[in-house]
Amino acid sequence: MKTLLKEFCKTINLESVGIAPAKPYLDFARIWQQQIERKYNSGFEEKNFSKRVYPHLTLPAAKSVIVCLFPYFAGTDPEANLAKFAYSLDYHLLIKDKLETIGMFLQKQITGFQYQSFVDNGPFSDRYLAFLAGLGFWGVNNHLICDKYGSYFFIGYILNNYPFPPDSPQEKTCLQCGKCIEACPGQCILGDFTINARRCKSYLTQKKDPLTATEVEIIQKTALIWGCDVCQDVCPHNQNAVKSNLLEFTTNLVTRLDYQELKGLSNRAFKEKYKNRSFSWRGKKILLRNLEIIGS
């Protein structure tokens, strides 16, 4: 059945698919507890600690997790003021559709198949699951990296009640060259494969609460008004990253927002124009704030 699953995934252009076990993630729990104690979590994560650790609290019959990588690299626009992950249509919508396609396929193959699919909205750490599924290795910047696509990929997963045999994690890490640590605008990369998410520029461009003077300075260090690509751009593992094989992530791209155009849109017009873009979820006000901080 695992072979059949992976063969089906290839028919929808998913090359990187692995299986993580649905067991208590106790090693992750230790790391996550430390992040919380240091106040290095962003607050966007699942609030219930136990749900991040115990899969059966989300799906009582859980026996495995199907994990898929969705490469998004479409090249670099030197005039962009949006991070590369936000160029395409909203990845949540694109990935959810493919995960549901997999789920429905398996329901036809497996009697009583139960599943829940998640993309950036599930209880678990998606990078940790992808690591367990053997799909990548850790970078010092806390990104997961794969040989073909570097760290330019999204992760989606399907918690399910079928005992797919798990894959094995890769026994290597990034080069640990330190380039990401040196280049990070917020100096949030700690050198131990964890970060202080609250100093990450990507987080700060999405922060709704008032920004401190230090946070404003961090945002001002590069031209992007949404997200941050610095640690990925300097990473040696990304220098030969292959462009995405998924048409959804290489067409219909928006790489830059214009201040005057954005300011002239009513909130309703903004939602109508950009409702299917991932950068729109915080609304027009936050984007205008960031444009004013950058001065563009």
C-alpha atoms as a PDB file:
ATOM      1  CA  MET A   1       0.000   0.000   0.000  1.00  0.00           C
ATOM      2  CA  LYS A   2       2.905   2.370   0.691  1.00  0.00           C
ATOM      3  CA  THR A   3       4.248   1.779  -2.809  1.00  0.00           C
ATOM      4  CA  LEU A   4       0.789   2.396  -4.264  1.00  0.00           C
ATOM      5  CA  LEU A   5       0.554   5.647  -2.271  1.00  0.00           C
ATOM      6  CA  LYS A   6       3.874   6.955  -3.556  1.00  0.00           C
ATOM      7  CA  GLU A   7       3.072   5.953  -7.129  1.00  0.00           C
ATOM      8  CA  PHE A   8      -0.229   7.815  -6.926  1.00  0.00           C
ATOM      9  CA  CYS A   9       1.499  10.885  -5.522  1.00  0.00           C
ATOM     10  CA  LYS A  10       3.804  10.932  -8.552  1.00  0.00           C
ATOM     11  CA  THR A  11       0.729  11.211 -10.795  1.00  0.00           C
ATOM     12  CA  ILE A  12      -0.046  14.556  -9.121  1.00  0.00           C
ATOM     13  CA  ASN A  13       3.629  15.628  -9.354  1.00  0.00           C
ATOM     14  CA  LEU A  14       4.563  15.004  -5.728  1.00  0.00           C
ATOM     15  CA  GLU A  15       8.059  13.546  -5.740  1.00  0.00           C
ATOM     16  CA  SER A  16       8.927  13.746  -2.044  1.00  0.00           C
ATOM     17  CA  VAL A  17       6.574  11.692   0.113  1.00  0.00           C
ATOM     18  CA  GLY A  18       7.450   9.891   3.329  1.00  0.00           C
ATOM     19  CA  ILE A  19       5.860   8.332   6.377  1.00  0.00           C
ATOM     20  CA  ALA A  20       6.292   9.483   9.959  1.00  0.00           C
ATOM     21  CA  PRO A  21       5.089   7.369  12.891  1.00  0.00           C
ATOM     22  CA  ALA A  22       2.011   8.422  14.850  1.00  0.00           C
ATOM     23  CA  LYS A  23       3.582   7.970  18.256  1.00  0.00           C
ATOM     24  CA  PRO A  24       4.283  10.361  21.131  1.00  0.00           C
ATOM     25  CA  TYR A  25       6.912  12.868  19.966  1.00  0.00           C
ATOM     26  CA  LEU A  26       8.796  12.989  23.247  1.00  0.00           C
ATOM     27  CA  ASP A  27      12.092  14.257  21.849  1.00  0.00           C
ATOM     28  CA  PHE A  28      10.231  17.126  20.194  1.00  0.00           C
ATOM     29  CA  ALA A  29       8.441  17.795  23.494  1.00  0.00           C
ATOM     30  CA  ARG A  30      11.748  18.426  25.247  1.00  0.00           C
ATOM     31  CA  ILE A  31      12.854  20.921  22.612  1.00  0.00           C
ATOM     32  CA  TRP A  32       9.485  22.640  22.520  1.00  0.00           C
ATOM     33  CA  GLN A  33       9.326  22.975  26.291  1.00  0.00           C
ATOM     34  CA  GLN A  34      12.708  24.687  26.208  1.00  0.00           C
ATOM     35  CA  GLN A  35      11.520  27.099  23.489  1.00  0.00           C
ATOM     36  CA  ILE A  36       8.478  28.030  25.550  1.00  0.00           C
ATOM     37  CA  GLU A  37      10.526  28.557  28.694  1.00  0.00           C
ATOM     38  CA  ARG A  38      12.915  30.833  26.800  1.00  0.00           C
ATOM     39  CA  LYS A  39       9.935  32.620  25.197  1.00  0.00           C
ATOM     40  CA  TYR A  40      11.328  31.862  21.751  1.00  0.00           C
ATOM     41  CA  ASN A  41       8.027  30.619  20.322  1.00  0.00           C
ATOM     42  CA  SER A  42       6.086  32.870  17.957  1.00  0.00           C
ATOM     43  CA  GLY A  43       2.596  32.296  19.357  1.00  0.00           C
ATOM     44  CA  PHE A  44       1.298  31.124  15.975  1.00  0.00           C
ATOM     45  CA  GLU A  45       1.779  27.499  17.000  1.00  0.00           C
ATOM     46  CA  GLU A  46      -0.783  25.128  18.529  1.00  0.00           C
ATOM     47  CA  LYS A  47      -1.435  26.356  22.084  1.00  0.00           C
ATOM     48  CA  ASN A  48      -2.210  22.931  23.553  1.00  0.00           C
ATOM     49  CA  PHE A  49       1.185  21.428  24.407  1.00  0.00           C
ATOM     50  CA  SER A  50      -0.105  17.870  24.603  1.00  0.00           C
ATOM     51  CA  LYS A  51      -1.700  18.024  21.150  1.00  0.00           C
ATOM     52  CA  ARG A  52       1.732  18.871  19.689  1.00  0.00           C
ATOM     53  CA  VAL A  53       3.140  15.687  21.204  1.00  0.00           C
ATOM     54  CA  TYR A  54       0.385  13.047  21.145  1.00  0.00           C
ATOM     55  CA  PRO A  55      -1.184  12.313  17.718  1.00  0.00           C
ATOM     56  CA  HIS A  56      -4.058  10.351  19.254  1.00  0.00           C
ATOM     57  CA  LEU A  57      -5.464  13.527  20.777  1.00  0.00           C
ATOM     58  CA  THR A  58      -6.204  14.698  17.229  1.00  0.00           C
ATOM     59  CA  LEU A  59      -7.162  11.375  15.654  1.00  0.00           C
ATOM     60  CA  PRO A  60      -7.791   8.612  18.237  1.00  0.00           C
ATOM     61  CA  ALA A  61      -7.165   5.834  15.700  1.00  0.00           C
ATOM     62  CA  ALA A  62      -3.958   7.408  14.309  1.00  0.00           C
ATOM     63  CA  LYS A  63      -1.296   4.937  13.160  1.00  0.00           C
ATOM     64  CA  SER A  64       0.883   6.935  10.739  1.00  0.00           C
ATOM     65  CA  VAL A  65       1.420  10.323   9.121  1.00  0.00           C
ATOM     66  CA  ILE A  66       1.844  10.815   5.375  1.00  0.00           C
ATOM     67  CA  VAL A  67       4.176  13.777   4.823  1.00  0.00           C
ATOM     68  CA  CYS A  68       4.606  15.554   1.477  1.00  0.00           C
ATOM     69  CA  LEU A  69       7.004  18.262   0.312  1.00  0.00           C
ATOM     70  CA  PHE A  70       5.708  20.962  -2.040  1.00  0.00           C
ATOM     71  CA  PRO A  71       8.645  22.806  -3.653  1.00  0.00           C
ATOM     72  CA  TYR A  72       7.862  26.451  -4.418  1.00  0.00           C
ATOM     73  CA  PHE A  73      11.068  27.997  -5.797  1.00  0.00           C
ATOM     74  CA  ALA A  74      10.239  29.884  -8.993  1.00  0.00           C
ATOM     75  CA  GLY A  75      13.389  31.977  -9.234  1.00  0.00           C
ATOM     76  CA  THR A  76      14.238  35.295  -7.635  1.00  0.00           C
ATOM     77  CA  ASP A  77      12.827  38.667  -8.679  1.00  0.00           C
ATOM     78  CA  PRO A  78      15.433  41.311  -7.700  1.00  0.00           C
ATOM     79  CA  GLU A  79      12.646  43.910  -7.477  1.00  0.00           C
ATOM     80  CA  ALA A  80      10.472  41.802  -5.177  1.00  0.00           C
ATOM     81  CA  ASN A  81       9.273  43.085  -1.828  1.00  0.00           C
ATOM     82  CA  LEU A  82       7.507  39.822  -0.978  1.00  0.00           C
ATOM     83  CA  ALA A  83       9.311  36.686   0.161  1.00  0.00           C
ATOM     84  CA  LYS A  84       9.502  33.850  -2.347  1.00  0.00           C
ATOM     85  CA  PHE A  85       6.977  31.719  -0.487  1.00  0.00           C
ATOM     86  CA  ALA A  86       4.335  34.384  -1.112  1.00  0.00           C
ATOM     87  CA  TYR A  87       4.820  34.789  -4.881  1.00  0.00           C
ATOM     88  CA  SER A  88       2.210  32.225  -5.873  1.00  0.00           C
ATOM     89  CA  LEU A  89      -1.452  31.767  -5.103  1.00  0.00           C
ATOM     90  CA  ASP A  90      -2.070  30.916  -1.449  1.00  0.00           C
ATOM     91  CA  TYR A  91      -0.145  27.732  -0.740  1.00  0.00           C
ATOM     92  CA  HIS A  92      -2.661  26.707   1.925  1.00  0.00           C
ATOM     93  CA  LEU A  93      -5.353  26.363  -0.735  1.00  0.00           C
ATOM     94  CA  LEU A  94      -3.108  24.695  -3.314  1.00  0.00           C
ATOM     95  CA  ILE A  95      -1.665  22.144  -0.917  1.00  0.00           C
ATOM     96  CA  LYS A  96      -4.926  21.376   0.861  1.00  0.00           C
ATOM     97  CA  ASP A  97      -6.436  20.432  -2.488  1.00  0.00           C
ATOM     98  CA  LYS A  98      -3.642  17.952  -3.218  1.00  0.00           C
ATOM     99  CA  LEU A  99      -3.744  16.440   0.264  1.00  0.00           C
ATOM    100  CA  GLU A 100      -7.477  15.906  -0.033  1.00  0.00           C
ATOM    101  CA  THR A 101      -6.930  14.269  -3.420  1.00  0.00           C
ATOM    102  CA  ILE A 102      -4.565  11.800  -1.726  1.00  0.00           C
ATOM    103  CA  GLY A 103      -6.993  11.218   1.133  1.00  0.00           C
ATOM    104  CA  MET A 104      -9.896  10.480  -1.162  1.00  0.00           C
ATOM    105  CA  PHE A 105      -7.745   8.127  -3.245  1.00  0.00           C
ATOM    106  CA  LEU A 106      -6.808   6.160  -0.132  1.00  0.00           C
ATOM    107  CA  GLN A 107     -10.420   5.980   1.014  1.00  0.00           C
ATOM    108  CA  LYS A 108     -11.161   4.081  -2.191  1.00  0.00           C
ATOM    109  CA  GLN A 109      -8.252   1.707  -1.588  1.00  0.00           C
ATOM    110  CA  ILE A 110      -8.510   1.080   2.159  1.00  0.00           C
ATOM    111  CA  THR A 111     -11.713   0.050   3.910  1.00  0.00           C
ATOM    112  CA  GLY A 112     -12.480   2.345   6.841  1.00  0.00           C
ATOM    113  CA  PHE A 113      -9.661   4.764   6.046  1.00  0.00           C
ATOM    114  CA  GLN A 114      -9.809   7.827   8.301  1.00  0.00           C
ATOM    115  CA  TYR A 115      -7.651  10.893   7.935  1.00  0.00           C
ATOM    116  CA  GLN A 116      -7.157  14.580   8.666  1.00  0.00           C
ATOM    117  CA  SER A 117      -5.006  16.755   6.419  1.00  0.00           C
ATOM    118  CA  PHE A 118      -3.061  19.823   7.481  1.00  0.00           C
ATOM    119  CA  VAL A 119      -0.964  22.534   5.893  1.00  0.00           C
ATOM    120  CA  ASP A 120       0.541  25.126   8.223  1.00  0.00           C
ATOM    121  CA  ASN A 121      -2.491  24.795  10.491  1.00  0.00           C
ATOM    122  CA  GLY A 122      -2.049  21.471  12.228  1.00  0.00           C
ATOM    123  CA  PRO A 123      -1.122  20.704  15.812  1.00  0.00           C
ATOM    124  CA  PHE A 124       2.321  19.283  15.038  1.00  0.00           C
ATOM    125  CA  SER A 125       5.621  20.743  13.874  1.00  0.00           C
ATOM    126  CA  ASP A 126       5.508  20.057  10.148  1.00  0.00           C
ATOM    127  CA  ARG A 127       9.311  20.266   9.826  1.00  0.00           C
ATOM    128  CA  TYR A 128       9.738  17.740  12.606  1.00  0.00           C
ATOM    129  CA  LEU A 129       7.324  15.335  10.904  1.00  0.00           C
ATOM    130  CA  ALA A 130       9.126  15.753   7.575  1.00  0.00           C
ATOM    131  CA  PHE A 131      12.410  15.029   9.337  1.00  0.00           C
ATOM    132  CA  LEU A 132      10.981  11.837  10.868  1.00  0.00           C
ATOM    133  CA  ALA A 133       9.683  10.867   7.419  1.00  0.00           C
ATOM    134  CA  GLY A 134      13.196  11.038   5.986  1.00  0.00           C
ATOM    135  CA  LEU A 135      12.441  13.935   3.643  1.00  0.00           C
ATOM    136  CA  GLY A 136      15.178  16.308   4.772  1.00  0.00           C
ATOM    137  CA  PHE A 137      17.893  17.228   7.245  1.00  0.00           C
ATOM    138  CA  TRP A 138      18.130  20.076   9.732  1.00  0.00           C
ATOM    139  CA  GLY A 139      19.712  23.414   8.985  1.00  0.00           C
ATOM    140  CA  VAL A 140      21.158  25.570  11.749  1.00  0.00           C
ATOM    141  CA  ASN A 141      18.469  28.125  10.828  1.00  0.00           C
ATOM    142  CA  ASN A 142      15.813  25.584  11.898  1.00  0.00           C
ATOM    143  CA  HIS A 143      14.731  25.057   8.296  1.00  0.00           C
ATOM    144  CA  LEU A 144      14.515  21.553   6.930  1.00  0.00           C
ATOM    145  CA  ILE A 145      16.643  21.034   3.819  1.00  0.00           C
ATOM    146  CA  CYS A 146      16.465  18.484   1.027  1.00  0.00           C
ATOM    147  CA  ASP A 147      19.168  17.878  -1.549  1.00  0.00           C
ATOM    148  CA  LYS A 148      17.072  18.759  -4.608  1.00  0.00           C
ATOM    149  CA  TYR A 149      15.020  21.757  -3.498  1.00  0.00           C
ATOM    150  CA  GLY A 150      17.130  23.126  -0.656  1.00  0.00           C
ATOM    151  CA  SER A 151      14.780  24.652   1.915  1.00  0.00           C
ATOM    152  CA  TYR A 152      12.383  26.141  -0.632  1.00  0.00           C
ATOM    153  CA  PHE A 153       9.394  23.914   0.032  1.00  0.00           C
ATOM    154  CA  PHE A 154       6.145  23.792   1.972  1.00  0.00           C
ATOM    155  CA  ILE A 155       5.102  20.777   4.008  1.00  0.00           C
ATOM    156  CA  GLY A 156       1.689  19.155   4.161  1.00  0.00           C
ATOM    157  CA  TYR A 157       0.726  16.062   6.110  1.00  0.00           C
ATOM    158  CA  ILE A 158      -2.093  13.564   6.512  1.00  0.00           C
ATOM    159  CA  LEU A 159      -2.682  12.007   9.918  1.00  0.00           C
ATOM    160  CA  ASN A 160      -4.424   8.686   9.311  1.00  0.00           C
ATOM    161  CA  ASN A 161      -5.449   5.329  10.748  1.00  0.00           C
ATOM    162  CA  TYR A 162      -3.532   3.025   8.377  1.00  0.00           C
ATOM    163  CA  PRO A 163      -0.222   1.493   9.582  1.00  0.00           C
ATOM    164  CA  PHE A 164       2.024   2.654   6.761  1.00  0.00           C
ATOM    165  CA  PRO A 165       5.592   1.565   7.641  1.00  0.00           C
ATOM    166  CA  PRO A 166       7.560   4.649   8.738  1.00  0.00           C
ATOM    167  CA  ASP A 167      10.645   5.916   6.949  1.00  0.00           C
ATOM    168  CA  SER A 168      13.925   6.693   8.690  1.00  0.00           C
ATOM    169  CA  PRO A 169      15.349  10.164   9.388  1.00  0.00           C
ATOM    170  CA  GLN A 170      18.451  11.231   7.483  1.00  0.00           C
ATOM    171  CA  GLU A 171      21.630  11.016   9.525  1.00  0.00           C
ATOM    172  CA  LYS A 172      23.175  14.361   8.555  1.00  0.00           C
ATOM    173  CA  THR A 173      22.784  18.082   9.067  1.00  0.00           C
ATOM    174  CA  CYS A 174      23.571  21.197   7.054  1.00  0.00           C
ATOM    175  CA  LEU A 175      27.176  22.338   6.572  1.00  0.00           C
ATOM    176  CA  GLN A 176      26.909  24.551   9.688  1.00  0.00           C
ATOM    177  CA  CYS A 177      28.909  27.226   7.856  1.00  0.00           C
ATOM    178  CA  GLY A 178      27.343  30.016   9.929  1.00  0.00           C
ATOM    179  CA  LYS A 179      26.382  32.223   6.980  1.00  0.00           C
ATOM    180  CA  CYS A 180      22.728  32.299   8.028  1.00  0.00           C
ATOM    181  CA  ILE A 181      23.653  33.220  11.598  1.00  0.00           C
ATOM    182  CA  GLU A 182      25.768  36.125  10.425  1.00  0.00           C
ATOM    183  CA  ALA A 183      23.270  37.428   7.857  1.00  0.00           C
ATOM    184  CA  CYS A 184      20.011  37.148   9.838  1.00  0.00           C
ATOM    185  CA  PRO A 185      18.414  40.631  10.199  1.00  0.00           C
ATOM    186  CA  GLY A 186      17.095  39.859  13.684  1.00  0.00           C
ATOM    187  CA  GLN A 187      20.020  37.712  14.820  1.00  0.00           C
ATOM    188  CA  CYS A 188      17.426  35.121  15.762  1.00  0.00           C
ATOM    189  CA  ILE A 189      19.429  32.019  14.758  1.00  0.00           C
ATOM    190  CA  LEU A 190      20.958  30.585  17.920  1.00  0.00           C
ATOM    191  CA  GLY A 191      23.491  28.127  16.483  1.00  0.00           C
ATOM    192  CA  ASP A 192      21.926  25.062  18.124  1.00  0.00           C
ATOM    193  CA  PHE A 193      19.360  24.373  15.361  1.00  0.00           C
ATOM    194  CA  THR A 194      16.740  26.504  17.128  1.00  0.00           C
ATOM    195  CA  ILE A 195      15.732  30.139  16.678  1.00  0.00           C
ATOM    196  CA  ASN A 196      14.138  32.926  18.672  1.00  0.00           C
ATOM    197  CA  ALA A 197      11.031  33.226  16.499  1.00  0.00           C
ATOM    198  CA  ARG A 198      10.106  36.569  18.034  1.00  0.00           C
ATOM    199  CA  ARG A 199      13.186  38.198  16.494  1.00  0.00           C
ATOM    200  CA  CYS A 200      12.670  36.641  13.052  1.00  0.00           C
ATOM    201  CA  LYS A 201      11.883  39.275  10.431  1.00  0.00           C
ATOM    202  CA  SER A 202       9.344  36.977   8.762  1.00  0.00           C
ATOM    203  CA  TYR A 203       7.414  36.799  12.026  1.00  0.00           C
ATOM    204  CA  LEU A 204       7.684  40.544  12.643  1.00  0.00           C
ATOM    205  CA  THR A 205       6.244  41.412   9.217  1.00  0.00           C
ATOM    206  CA  GLN A 206       3.168  39.405  10.234  1.00  0.00           C
ATOM    207  CA  LYS A 207       2.952  40.671  13.806  1.00  0.00           C
ATOM    208  CA  LYS A 208      -0.298  42.495  14.489  1.00  0.00           C
ATOM    209  CA  ASP A 209       0.615  44.052  17.833  1.00  0.00           C
ATOM    210  CA  PRO A 210       2.548  47.356  17.933  1.00  0.00           C
ATOM    211  CA  LEU A 211       6.216  46.989  17.058  1.00  0.00           C
ATOM    212  CA  THR A 212       9.054  48.064  19.326  1.00  0.00           C
ATOM    213  CA  ALA A 213      11.831  50.315  18.020  1.00  0.00           C
ATOM    214  CA  THR A 214      14.123  47.276  17.813  1.00  0.00           C
ATOM    215  CA  GLU A 215      11.549  45.330  15.809  1.00  0.00           C
ATOM    216  CA  VAL A 216      11.161  48.240  13.388  1.00  0.00           C
ATOM    217  CA  GLU A 217      14.926  48.294  12.900  1.00  0.00           C
ATOM    218  CA  ILE A 218      14.928  44.583  12.117  1.00  0.00           C
ATOM    219  CA  ILE A 219      12.247  45.006   9.446  1.00  0.00           C
ATOM    220  CA  GLN A 220      14.152  47.928   7.916  1.00  0.00           C
ATOM    221  CA  LYS A 221      17.277  45.853   7.304  1.00  0.00           C
ATOM    222  CA  THR A 222      15.994  44.375   4.028  1.00  0.00           C
ATOM    223  CA  ALA A 223      13.474  45.465   1.391  1.00  0.00           C
ATOM    224  CA  LEU A 224      10.913  42.707   1.938  1.00  0.00           C
ATOM    225  CA  ILE A 225       7.620  43.810   3.460  1.00  0.00           C
ATOM    226  CA  TRP A 226       6.279  40.275   3.938  1.00  0.00           C
ATOM    227  CA  GLY A 227       8.408  37.385   5.073  1.00  0.00           C
ATOM    228  CA  CYS A 228      12.181  37.113   4.929  1.00  0.00           C
ATOM    229  CA  ASP A 229      14.474  35.127   2.645  1.00  0.00           C
ATOM    230  CA  VAL A 230      17.888  36.121   4.006  1.00  0.00           C
ATOM    231  CA  CYS A 231      18.870  32.900   5.766  1.00  0.00           C
ATOM    232  CA  GLN A 232      17.722  30.884   2.757  1.00  0.00           C
ATOM    233  CA  ASP A 233      19.362  33.126   0.174  1.00  0.00           C
ATOM    234  CA  VAL A 234      22.806  32.830   1.775  1.00  0.00           C
ATOM    235  CA  CYS A 235      22.527  29.087   2.461  1.00  0.00           C
ATOM    236  CA  PRO A 236      24.957  26.983   0.363  1.00  0.00           C
ATOM    237  CA  HIS A 237      22.361  24.224   0.162  1.00  0.00           C
ATOM    238  CA  ASN A 238      20.059  26.576  -1.780  1.00  0.00           C
ATOM    239  CA  GLN A 239      22.548  27.785  -4.372  1.00  0.00           C
ATOM    240  CA  ASN A 240      21.648  25.010  -6.818  1.00  0.00           C
ATOM    241  CA  ALA A 241      18.047  24.506  -5.728  1.00  0.00           C
ATOM    242  CA  VAL A 242      15.898  23.191  -8.555  1.00  0.00           C
ATOM    243  CA  LYS A 243      12.831  25.181  -9.571  1.00  0.00           C
ATOM    244  CA  SER A 244       9.510  23.729  -8.530  1.00  0.00           C
ATOM    245  CA  ASN A 245       7.994  21.036 -10.715  1.00  0.00           C
ATOM    246  CA  LEU A 246       4.542  22.182  -9.583  1.00  0.00           C
ATOM    247  CA  LEU A 247       2.952  24.569 -12.069  1.00  0.00           C
ATOM    248  CA  GLU A 248       0.810  26.023  -9.299  1.00  0.00           C
ATOM    249  CA  PHE A 249       3.906  27.572  -7.708  1.00  0.00           C
ATOM    250  CA  THR A 250       5.583  28.896 -10.857  1.00  0.00           C
ATOM    251  CA  THR A 251       2.699  30.700 -12.575  1.00  0.00           C
ATOM    252  CA  ASN A 252       0.363  33.602 -11.766  1.00  0.00           C
ATOM    253  CA  LEU A 253       3.030  35.166  -9.561  1.00  0.00           C
ATOM    254  CA  VAL A 254       2.899  38.433  -7.616  1.00  0.00           C
ATOM    255  CA  THR A 255       6.335  39.481  -6.366  1.00  0.00           C
ATOM    256  CA  ARG A 256       5.813  43.112  -5.401  1.00  0.00           C
ATOM    257  CA  LEU A 257       3.141  45.333  -3.845  1.00  0.00           C
ATOM    258  CA  ASP A 258       2.944  49.049  -4.593  1.00  0.00           C
ATOM    259  CA  TYR A 259       2.231  51.441  -1.739  1.00  0.00           C
ATOM    260  CA  GLN A 260       0.035  53.883  -3.656  1.00  0.00           C
ATOM    261  CA  GLU A 261      -1.951  51.118  -5.322  1.00  0.00           C
ATOM    262  CA  LEU A 262      -2.494  49.374  -2.006  1.00  0.00           C
ATOM    263  CA  LYS A 263      -3.417  52.564  -0.183  1.00  0.00           C
ATOM    264  CA  GLY A 264      -5.990  53.387  -2.840  1.00  0.00           C
ATOM    265  CA  LEU A 265      -7.848  50.107  -2.379  1.00  0.00           C
ATOM    266  CA  SER A 266     -10.784  49.903  -0.012  1.00  0.00           C
ATOM    267  CA  ASN A 267     -10.675  46.999   2.416  1.00  0.00           C
ATOM    268  CA  ARG A 268     -13.337  45.258   0.373  1.00  0.00           C
ATOM    269  CA  ALA A 269     -11.409  45.809  -2.876  1.00  0.00           C
ATOM    270  CA  PHE A 270      -8.213  44.553  -1.229  1.00  0.00           C
ATOM    271  CA  LYS A 271      -9.900  41.368  -0.053  1.00  0.00           C
ATOM    272  CA  GLU A 272     -11.445  40.811  -3.456  1.00  0.00           C
ATOM    273  CA  LYS A 273      -8.155  41.299  -5.321  1.00  0.00           C
ATOM    274  CA  TYR A 274      -5.843  39.421  -2.977  1.00  0.00           C
ATOM    275  CA  LYS A 275      -8.116  36.957  -1.137  1.00  0.00           C
ATOM    276  CA  ASN A 276      -6.322  34.002  -2.713  1.00  0.00           C
ATOM    277  CA  ARG A 277      -2.823  35.221  -1.717  1.00  0.00           C
ATOM    278  CA  SER A 278      -1.101  34.111   1.467  1.00  0.00           C
ATOM    279  CA  PHE A 279       0.170  37.632   2.215  1.00  0.00           C
ATOM    280  CA  SER A 280      -3.377  38.940   2.582  1.00  0.00           C
ATOM    281  CA  TRP A 281      -4.354  37.123   5.781  1.00  0.00           C
ATOM    282  CA  ARG A 282      -3.335  39.985   8.106  1.00  0.00           C
ATOM    283  CA  GLY A 283      -5.153  42.542   5.965  1.00  0.00           C
ATOM    284  CA  LYS A 284      -4.162  45.722   4.163  1.00  0.00           C
ATOM    285  CA  LYS A 285      -3.240  47.686   7.291  1.00  0.00           C
ATOM    286  CA  ILE A 286      -0.247  45.517   8.241  1.00  0.00           C
ATOM    287  CA  LEU A 287       1.121  45.556   4.700  1.00  0.00           C
ATOM    288  CA  LEU A 288       0.843  49.350   4.552  1.00  0.00           C
ATOM    289  CA  ARG A 289       2.587  49.585   7.918  1.00  0.00           C
ATOM    290  CA  ASN A 290       5.461  47.484   6.625  1.00  0.00           C
ATOM    291  CA  LEU A 291       5.699  49.484   3.390  1.00  0.00           C
ATOM    292  CA  GLU A 292       5.924  52.679   5.431  1.00  0.00           C
ATOM    293  CA  ILE A 293       8.649  51.161   7.626  1.00  0.00           C
ATOM    294  CA  ILE A 294      10.679  50.120   4.603  1.00  0.00           C
ATOM    295  CA  GLY A 295       9.990  53.464   2.921  1.00  0.00           C
ATOM    296  CA  SER A 296       8.772  52.132  -0.409  1.00  0.00           C
END
